[in-house]
Amino acid sequence: MSDISPEIVCLPPTAALPPLSRCDVYRPADFADFWEETLRQADAVPLNATFVRNELRSSDAVDVFDVHYDSLDRVRIFAWYCVPRGATGPLPGLILPPGYIQDPPIPKDWAARGYAAIFPAPRGKVRSRTQFDAGYPGLLTHNIVDRNTYGYRGFYVDALRTIDMLKARPEVDPRRIGVYGSSQGGALAIVLPALRPDDIAVAAAGVPYLTDFLGAAELTRTYPFHEINDYLQLYPERLQAVKETLAYFDCLNFAPQVRCPIVVSLGTQDNIVPPETCRAAFEALGSPEKSLYVYGNCGHDGGMSLGFTDRVRDFLAERLRPSAGH
């Protein structure tokens, strides 16, 4: 990986770069085959997407749509979709996957900036709970000993299918689609460009979760990672099976497949997503253009209150080129 020239910015400049996690994560020999088959199964399910304008939530500046679509196992998924009022395009698309306990907000602010913005509610979220409800806590360990039924298999696909939703919209430029999220959303901001490198032009990942699961569970005693400790306390004999399943969902195994420009943040005081694992995810990224922002006085907000949000907005705008006049 000698062609990779990472940029690391410490804020303040005296902030210490955290060490790497122990990274006891292996890449299964059939990792690529597993995801190829998963995506093949997903592609066999028609999207059956519906977009219904939400009169109450729309405004003079932004049109808001209630969106429903079918995903893996034919689970019906909800999403908010927002565009500048009356926009005909071409607009850049922006996918905004949610955090672990976050219910997706309406991305009206991004639409006002000139994006066709979609905020999915993958299975288990409030508006996508009819057919799947692992609970919070619960999702992280749902069927954790079976890679084919593990909760995150469908969850990842639910977020991934928003790419096809955007590409099918006449107002969206399919060459300008980005993804931005924090925590769980930050993990998906790595997973999506890894699985669909030709479709994601740029990514931003704040404090990416779902990296070195077992190492993170050792480094912190807070939830969600502590769900794994609880599970293994009840079923210690399942440790190897858990490790084998999680290898198919770990950002460390997706990161080398990322090729688009990407920015990542971490907070050195984060007690939810250990900064050691965030750094490990960044180091593993295969993108030739990647930057890590290390916020020495921040926890799980990952610098959002100290300028990272503005950096992301500028980073996305530079590469996706939203038009102020829409």
Protein backbone atom coordinates (compact mmCIF):
# COMPACT_ATOMS: atom_id res chain seq x y z
CA MET A 1 0.00 0.00 0.00
CA SER A 2 2.93 2.33 -0.73
CA ASP A 3 0.68 4.50 -2.93
CA ILE A 4 -1.40 5.52 0.09
CA SER A 5 -0.53 8.94 1.52
CA PRO A 6 -2.78 9.44 4.55
CA GLU A 7 -3.28 12.82 6.16
CA ILE A 8 -3.59 12.91 9.94
CA VAL A 9 -4.66 16.14 11.61
CA CYS A 10 -4.59 16.39 15.42
CA LEU A 11 -6.80 19.04 17.00
CA PRO A 12 -5.42 20.61 19.05
CA PRO A 13 -1.98 19.95 17.51
CA THR A 14 -0.81 18.53 20.84
CA ALA A 15 -3.51 15.83 20.81
CA ALA A 16 -2.02 12.36 21.04
CA LEU A 17 -2.73 9.87 18.27
CA PRO A 18 -4.26 6.81 19.96
CA PRO A 19 -2.53 3.45 19.57
CA LEU A 20 -3.99 0.81 17.31
CA SER A 21 -6.34 -1.77 18.79
CA ARG A 22 -5.11 -5.34 19.06
CA CYS A 23 -6.96 -6.04 15.78
CA ASP A 24 -7.32 -9.78 16.25
CA VAL A 25 -9.55 -9.88 13.18
CA TYR A 26 -9.05 -12.31 10.33
CA ARG A 27 -10.49 -12.07 6.83
CA PRO A 28 -12.42 -15.24 5.93
CA ALA A 29 -11.30 -16.89 2.72
CA ASP A 30 -14.86 -16.66 1.40
CA PHE A 31 -15.49 -13.08 2.55
CA ALA A 32 -15.92 -11.76 -1.00
CA ASP A 33 -18.01 -14.77 -2.02
CA PHE A 34 -20.30 -14.32 0.98
CA TRP A 35 -21.06 -10.71 0.12
CA GLU A 36 -21.35 -11.42 -3.59
CA GLU A 37 -23.99 -14.03 -2.83
CA THR A 38 -25.72 -11.73 -0.34
CA LEU A 39 -25.95 -8.95 -2.92
CA ARG A 40 -27.13 -11.42 -5.56
CA GLN A 41 -29.99 -12.43 -3.26
CA ALA A 42 -30.80 -8.80 -2.59
CA ASP A 43 -30.77 -7.91 -6.29
CA ALA A 44 -33.33 -10.66 -6.91
CA VAL A 45 -35.80 -8.69 -4.75
CA PRO A 46 -37.43 -5.82 -6.70
CA LEU A 47 -37.18 -2.48 -4.90
CA ASN A 48 -40.90 -1.76 -5.28
CA ALA A 49 -40.06 1.75 -4.15
CA THR A 50 -42.76 4.31 -3.39
CA PHE A 51 -42.19 8.05 -2.91
CA VAL A 52 -45.07 9.97 -1.35
CA ARG A 53 -44.69 13.68 -0.78
CA ASN A 54 -45.18 14.55 2.88
CA GLU A 55 -47.23 17.74 2.84
CA LEU A 56 -46.79 18.39 6.55
CA ARG A 57 -42.99 18.09 6.53
CA SER A 58 -42.36 19.83 3.21
CA SER A 59 -41.65 23.56 3.06
CA ASP A 60 -41.23 26.34 0.55
CA ALA A 61 -37.57 25.36 0.25
CA VAL A 62 -37.59 21.55 0.51
CA ASP A 63 -39.80 18.71 -0.69
CA VAL A 64 -39.96 15.83 1.80
CA PHE A 65 -40.99 12.33 0.78
CA ASP A 66 -41.99 9.25 2.76
CA VAL A 67 -40.18 6.38 1.04
CA HIS A 68 -40.74 2.63 1.32
CA TYR A 69 -38.79 -0.09 -0.44
CA ASP A 70 -38.17 -3.82 -0.26
CA SER A 71 -34.84 -5.25 0.86
CA LEU A 72 -33.22 -8.59 1.66
CA ASP A 73 -35.74 -11.24 2.74
CA ARG A 74 -38.42 -8.88 1.40
CA VAL A 75 -38.36 -6.77 4.53
CA ARG A 76 -40.09 -3.44 3.88
CA ILE A 77 -37.86 -0.47 4.76
CA PHE A 78 -38.65 3.20 5.38
CA ALA A 79 -36.55 6.24 4.50
CA TRP A 80 -36.84 10.01 4.45
CA TYR A 81 -35.98 11.58 1.10
CA CYS A 82 -35.52 15.32 0.61
CA VAL A 83 -34.75 17.48 -2.40
CA PRO A 84 -34.75 21.21 -3.03
CA ARG A 85 -38.30 22.33 -3.79
CA GLY A 86 -39.14 21.76 -7.43
CA ALA A 87 -35.70 20.41 -8.27
CA THR A 88 -35.30 18.68 -11.61
CA GLY A 89 -31.56 18.03 -11.30
CA PRO A 90 -29.02 16.96 -11.89
CA LEU A 91 -28.44 16.86 -8.13
CA PRO A 92 -25.73 15.04 -6.20
CA GLY A 93 -27.09 12.23 -4.05
CA LEU A 94 -26.22 11.89 -0.38
CA ILE A 95 -26.87 8.80 1.76
CA LEU A 96 -27.03 9.44 5.51
CA PRO A 97 -27.12 6.11 7.42
CA PRO A 98 -28.18 6.31 11.08
CA GLY A 99 -26.43 5.68 14.38
CA TYR A 100 -27.18 2.66 16.56
CA ILE A 101 -30.00 4.09 18.65
CA GLN A 102 -30.79 6.99 16.32
CA ASP A 103 -34.08 7.19 14.48
CA PRO A 104 -33.37 8.91 11.18
CA PRO A 105 -34.10 12.63 11.18
CA ILE A 106 -35.47 14.35 8.11
CA PRO A 107 -32.43 15.60 6.13
CA LYS A 108 -33.97 18.93 5.14
CA ASP A 109 -30.77 20.83 5.89
CA TRP A 110 -28.83 18.78 3.32
CA ALA A 111 -31.54 19.25 0.70
CA ALA A 112 -31.42 22.99 1.32
CA ARG A 113 -27.72 22.80 0.43
CA GLY A 114 -28.52 21.31 -2.96
CA TYR A 115 -28.45 17.56 -2.33
CA ALA A 116 -30.92 14.79 -2.99
CA ALA A 117 -30.58 13.41 0.53
CA ILE A 118 -31.86 10.06 1.75
CA PHE A 119 -31.85 8.97 5.40
CA PRO A 120 -32.79 5.27 5.61
CA ALA A 121 -34.30 3.55 8.63
CA PRO A 122 -32.87 0.01 8.24
CA ARG A 123 -34.69 -2.95 9.77
CA GLY A 124 -35.39 -2.58 13.45
CA LYS A 125 -35.71 1.20 13.36
CA VAL A 126 -39.08 2.59 14.43
CA ARG A 127 -40.55 2.96 10.94
CA SER A 128 -39.07 -0.34 9.70
CA ARG A 129 -39.96 -2.53 12.65
CA THR A 130 -42.99 -4.47 11.43
CA GLN A 131 -41.07 -7.51 10.13
CA PHE A 132 -37.85 -7.28 12.16
CA ASP A 133 -37.35 -5.97 15.68
CA ALA A 134 -34.15 -7.04 17.42
CA GLY A 135 -34.39 -4.16 19.86
CA TYR A 136 -31.79 -1.76 21.26
CA PRO A 137 -29.89 -3.35 22.92
CA GLY A 138 -30.26 -6.46 20.81
CA LEU A 139 -29.24 -5.75 17.23
CA LEU A 140 -25.53 -6.23 17.86
CA THR A 141 -26.00 -9.80 19.06
CA HIS A 142 -29.07 -10.83 17.03
CA ASN A 143 -28.27 -14.34 15.69
CA ILE A 144 -24.61 -13.54 16.22
CA VAL A 145 -23.49 -17.16 15.73
CA ASP A 146 -24.88 -17.43 12.19
CA ARG A 147 -23.50 -15.18 9.47
CA ASN A 148 -26.51 -15.84 7.22
CA THR A 149 -29.10 -14.66 9.73
CA TYR A 150 -27.03 -12.18 11.76
CA GLY A 151 -29.00 -8.96 12.10
CA TYR A 152 -26.40 -6.79 10.45
CA ARG A 153 -26.50 -8.78 7.20
CA GLY A 154 -29.91 -7.40 6.35
CA PHE A 155 -29.16 -4.07 8.02
CA TYR A 156 -26.14 -3.48 5.77
CA VAL A 157 -28.17 -4.38 2.68
CA ASP A 158 -31.01 -2.06 3.72
CA ALA A 159 -28.59 0.87 3.69
CA LEU A 160 -26.88 -0.33 0.53
CA ARG A 161 -30.11 -0.41 -1.46
CA THR A 162 -30.44 3.36 -1.13
CA ILE A 163 -27.72 3.57 -3.79
CA ASP A 164 -30.10 1.96 -6.28
CA MET A 165 -32.90 4.22 -5.07
CA LEU A 166 -30.86 7.33 -5.84
CA LYS A 167 -29.57 6.02 -9.17
CA ALA A 168 -33.16 5.45 -10.30
CA ARG A 169 -34.28 9.01 -9.51
CA PRO A 170 -34.40 11.27 -12.58
CA GLU A 171 -33.22 14.30 -10.59
CA VAL A 172 -30.06 12.57 -9.32
CA ASP A 173 -26.70 12.46 -11.07
CA PRO A 174 -25.61 8.81 -10.55
CA ARG A 175 -21.94 9.82 -10.88
CA ARG A 176 -22.18 12.09 -7.83
CA ILE A 177 -23.36 10.00 -4.89
CA GLY A 178 -21.76 10.28 -1.47
CA VAL A 179 -22.29 8.81 1.98
CA TYR A 180 -21.85 10.40 5.40
CA GLY A 181 -22.59 9.02 8.85
CA SER A 182 -21.31 8.89 12.39
CA SER A 183 -20.83 5.93 14.76
CA GLN A 184 -22.93 3.14 13.20
CA GLY A 185 -23.48 5.51 10.30
CA GLY A 186 -19.70 5.94 10.13
CA ALA A 187 -19.30 2.18 9.82
CA LEU A 188 -21.81 2.14 6.97
CA ALA A 189 -19.91 4.99 5.34
CA ILE A 190 -17.10 2.44 5.01
CA VAL A 191 -19.25 -0.59 4.13
CA LEU A 192 -21.18 1.06 1.29
CA PRO A 193 -18.21 2.26 -0.80
CA ALA A 194 -16.47 -1.05 -0.11
CA LEU A 195 -19.35 -3.10 -1.53
CA ARG A 196 -20.26 -0.63 -4.30
CA PRO A 197 -16.97 1.12 -5.19
CA ASP A 198 -18.19 2.17 -8.63
CA ASP A 199 -21.24 3.93 -7.23
CA ILE A 200 -19.93 5.93 -4.27
CA ALA A 201 -17.86 8.97 -5.23
CA VAL A 202 -16.96 10.20 -1.73
CA ALA A 203 -17.45 9.22 1.92
CA ALA A 204 -17.18 10.71 5.40
CA ALA A 205 -17.11 8.55 8.53
CA GLY A 206 -17.32 10.02 12.00
CA VAL A 207 -16.08 7.72 14.80
CA PRO A 208 -16.74 4.50 12.82
CA TYR A 209 -18.33 1.80 14.92
CA LEU A 210 -18.33 -1.95 14.08
CA THR A 211 -14.54 -2.20 13.90
CA ASP A 212 -12.67 -4.98 15.72
CA PHE A 213 -15.86 -5.95 17.61
CA LEU A 214 -14.23 -8.19 20.20
CA GLY A 215 -11.28 -5.87 20.74
CA ALA A 216 -13.66 -2.94 21.23
CA ALA A 217 -15.71 -4.97 23.70
CA GLU A 218 -12.53 -5.44 25.75
CA LEU A 219 -11.56 -1.77 25.55
CA THR A 220 -14.90 -0.39 26.73
CA ARG A 221 -17.59 -1.37 29.21
CA THR A 222 -20.27 0.81 27.66
CA TYR A 223 -23.05 -0.18 25.31
CA PRO A 224 -23.51 -1.10 22.49
CA PHE A 225 -20.23 -3.08 22.46
CA HIS A 226 -20.92 -4.30 25.99
CA GLU A 227 -23.80 -6.31 24.51
CA ILE A 228 -21.14 -8.73 23.27
CA ASN A 229 -19.69 -9.08 26.77
CA ASP A 230 -23.16 -9.77 28.14
CA TYR A 231 -23.79 -12.38 25.46
CA LEU A 232 -20.50 -14.17 26.01
CA GLN A 233 -21.03 -14.15 29.76
CA LEU A 234 -24.20 -16.13 29.13
CA TYR A 235 -22.73 -18.31 26.35
CA PRO A 236 -18.94 -18.50 26.78
CA GLU A 237 -18.80 -21.67 24.70
CA ARG A 238 -19.93 -19.67 21.65
CA LEU A 239 -16.87 -17.39 21.52
CA GLN A 240 -15.36 -19.00 18.43
CA ALA A 241 -18.66 -18.98 16.56
CA VAL A 242 -19.15 -15.31 17.45
CA LYS A 243 -15.67 -14.47 16.22
CA GLU A 244 -16.26 -16.30 12.95
CA THR A 245 -19.55 -14.52 12.30
CA LEU A 246 -18.28 -11.04 13.12
CA ALA A 247 -15.37 -11.38 10.70
CA TYR A 248 -17.86 -11.05 7.84
CA PHE A 249 -19.18 -7.72 9.19
CA ASP A 250 -16.05 -6.01 10.51
CA CYS A 251 -15.05 -2.68 9.00
CA LEU A 252 -11.45 -3.87 9.04
CA ASN A 253 -12.36 -6.36 6.32
CA PHE A 254 -14.35 -3.85 4.27
CA ALA A 255 -11.93 -0.93 4.55
CA PRO A 256 -9.27 -2.17 2.09
CA GLN A 257 -11.94 -2.22 -0.65
CA VAL A 258 -12.71 1.51 -0.25
CA ARG A 259 -11.28 3.51 -3.14
CA CYS A 260 -13.10 6.85 -2.99
CA PRO A 261 -11.84 9.95 -1.13
CA ILE A 262 -12.80 9.70 2.54
CA VAL A 263 -12.45 11.63 5.79
CA VAL A 264 -12.63 9.98 9.22
CA SER A 265 -12.78 11.42 12.73
CA LEU A 266 -12.18 10.09 16.22
CA GLY A 267 -12.39 11.49 19.73
CA THR A 268 -9.56 10.44 22.01
CA GLN A 269 -11.95 10.50 25.00
CA ASP A 270 -14.60 8.32 23.31
CA ASN A 271 -15.84 5.63 25.71
CA ILE A 272 -18.42 4.21 23.29
CA VAL A 273 -16.38 3.55 20.15
CA PRO A 274 -12.75 3.17 21.28
CA PRO A 275 -10.45 5.57 19.43
CA GLU A 276 -7.98 2.71 18.94
CA THR A 277 -10.49 0.94 16.70
CA CYS A 278 -11.32 4.13 14.77
CA ARG A 279 -7.66 4.53 13.98
CA ALA A 280 -7.44 0.88 12.91
CA ALA A 281 -10.35 1.39 10.50
CA PHE A 282 -8.65 4.45 9.03
CA GLU A 283 -5.29 2.73 8.64
CA ALA A 284 -6.98 -0.17 6.80
CA LEU A 285 -8.72 2.04 4.24
CA GLY A 286 -7.58 1.40 0.69
CA SER A 287 -8.36 4.90 -0.57
CA PRO A 288 -5.43 6.90 -1.97
CA GLU A 289 -7.07 10.04 -0.59
CA LYS A 290 -7.91 9.70 3.09
CA SER A 291 -7.71 12.02 6.08
CA LEU A 292 -8.06 11.37 9.80
CA TYR A 293 -9.08 14.12 12.21
CA VAL A 294 -8.08 13.39 15.80
CA TYR A 295 -9.98 15.47 18.37
CA GLY A 296 -8.10 15.39 21.65
CA ASN A 297 -10.82 16.89 23.82
CA CYS A 298 -13.80 15.02 22.39
CA GLY A 299 -15.72 11.88 23.16
CA HIS A 300 -18.27 10.13 20.95
CA ASP A 301 -19.24 13.34 19.12
CA GLY A 302 -15.94 12.90 17.27
CA GLY A 303 -15.31 16.61 16.89
CA MET A 304 -18.72 17.54 15.50
CA SER A 305 -18.92 20.38 18.01
CA LEU A 306 -15.37 21.49 17.19
CA GLY A 307 -15.54 21.85 13.44
CA PHE A 308 -15.68 18.34 11.96
CA THR A 309 -19.22 18.90 10.68
CA ASP A 310 -18.06 21.98 8.77
CA ARG A 311 -15.07 20.05 7.41
CA VAL A 312 -17.38 17.32 6.14
CA ARG A 313 -19.71 19.84 4.51
CA ASP A 314 -16.80 21.47 2.70
CA PHE A 315 -15.30 18.09 1.76
CA LEU A 316 -18.56 16.83 0.28
CA ALA A 317 -19.34 20.10 -1.49
CA GLU A 318 -15.92 20.19 -3.13
CA ARG A 319 -16.36 16.71 -4.60
CA LEU A 320 -20.11 16.45 -5.18
CA ARG A 321 -20.60 20.06 -6.32
CA PRO A 322 -24.16 20.85 -5.21
CA SER A 323 -25.55 23.92 -6.95
CA ALA A 324 -26.71 26.76 -4.76
CA GLY A 325 -29.32 27.56 -7.39
CA HIS A 326 -30.35 23.87 -7.61
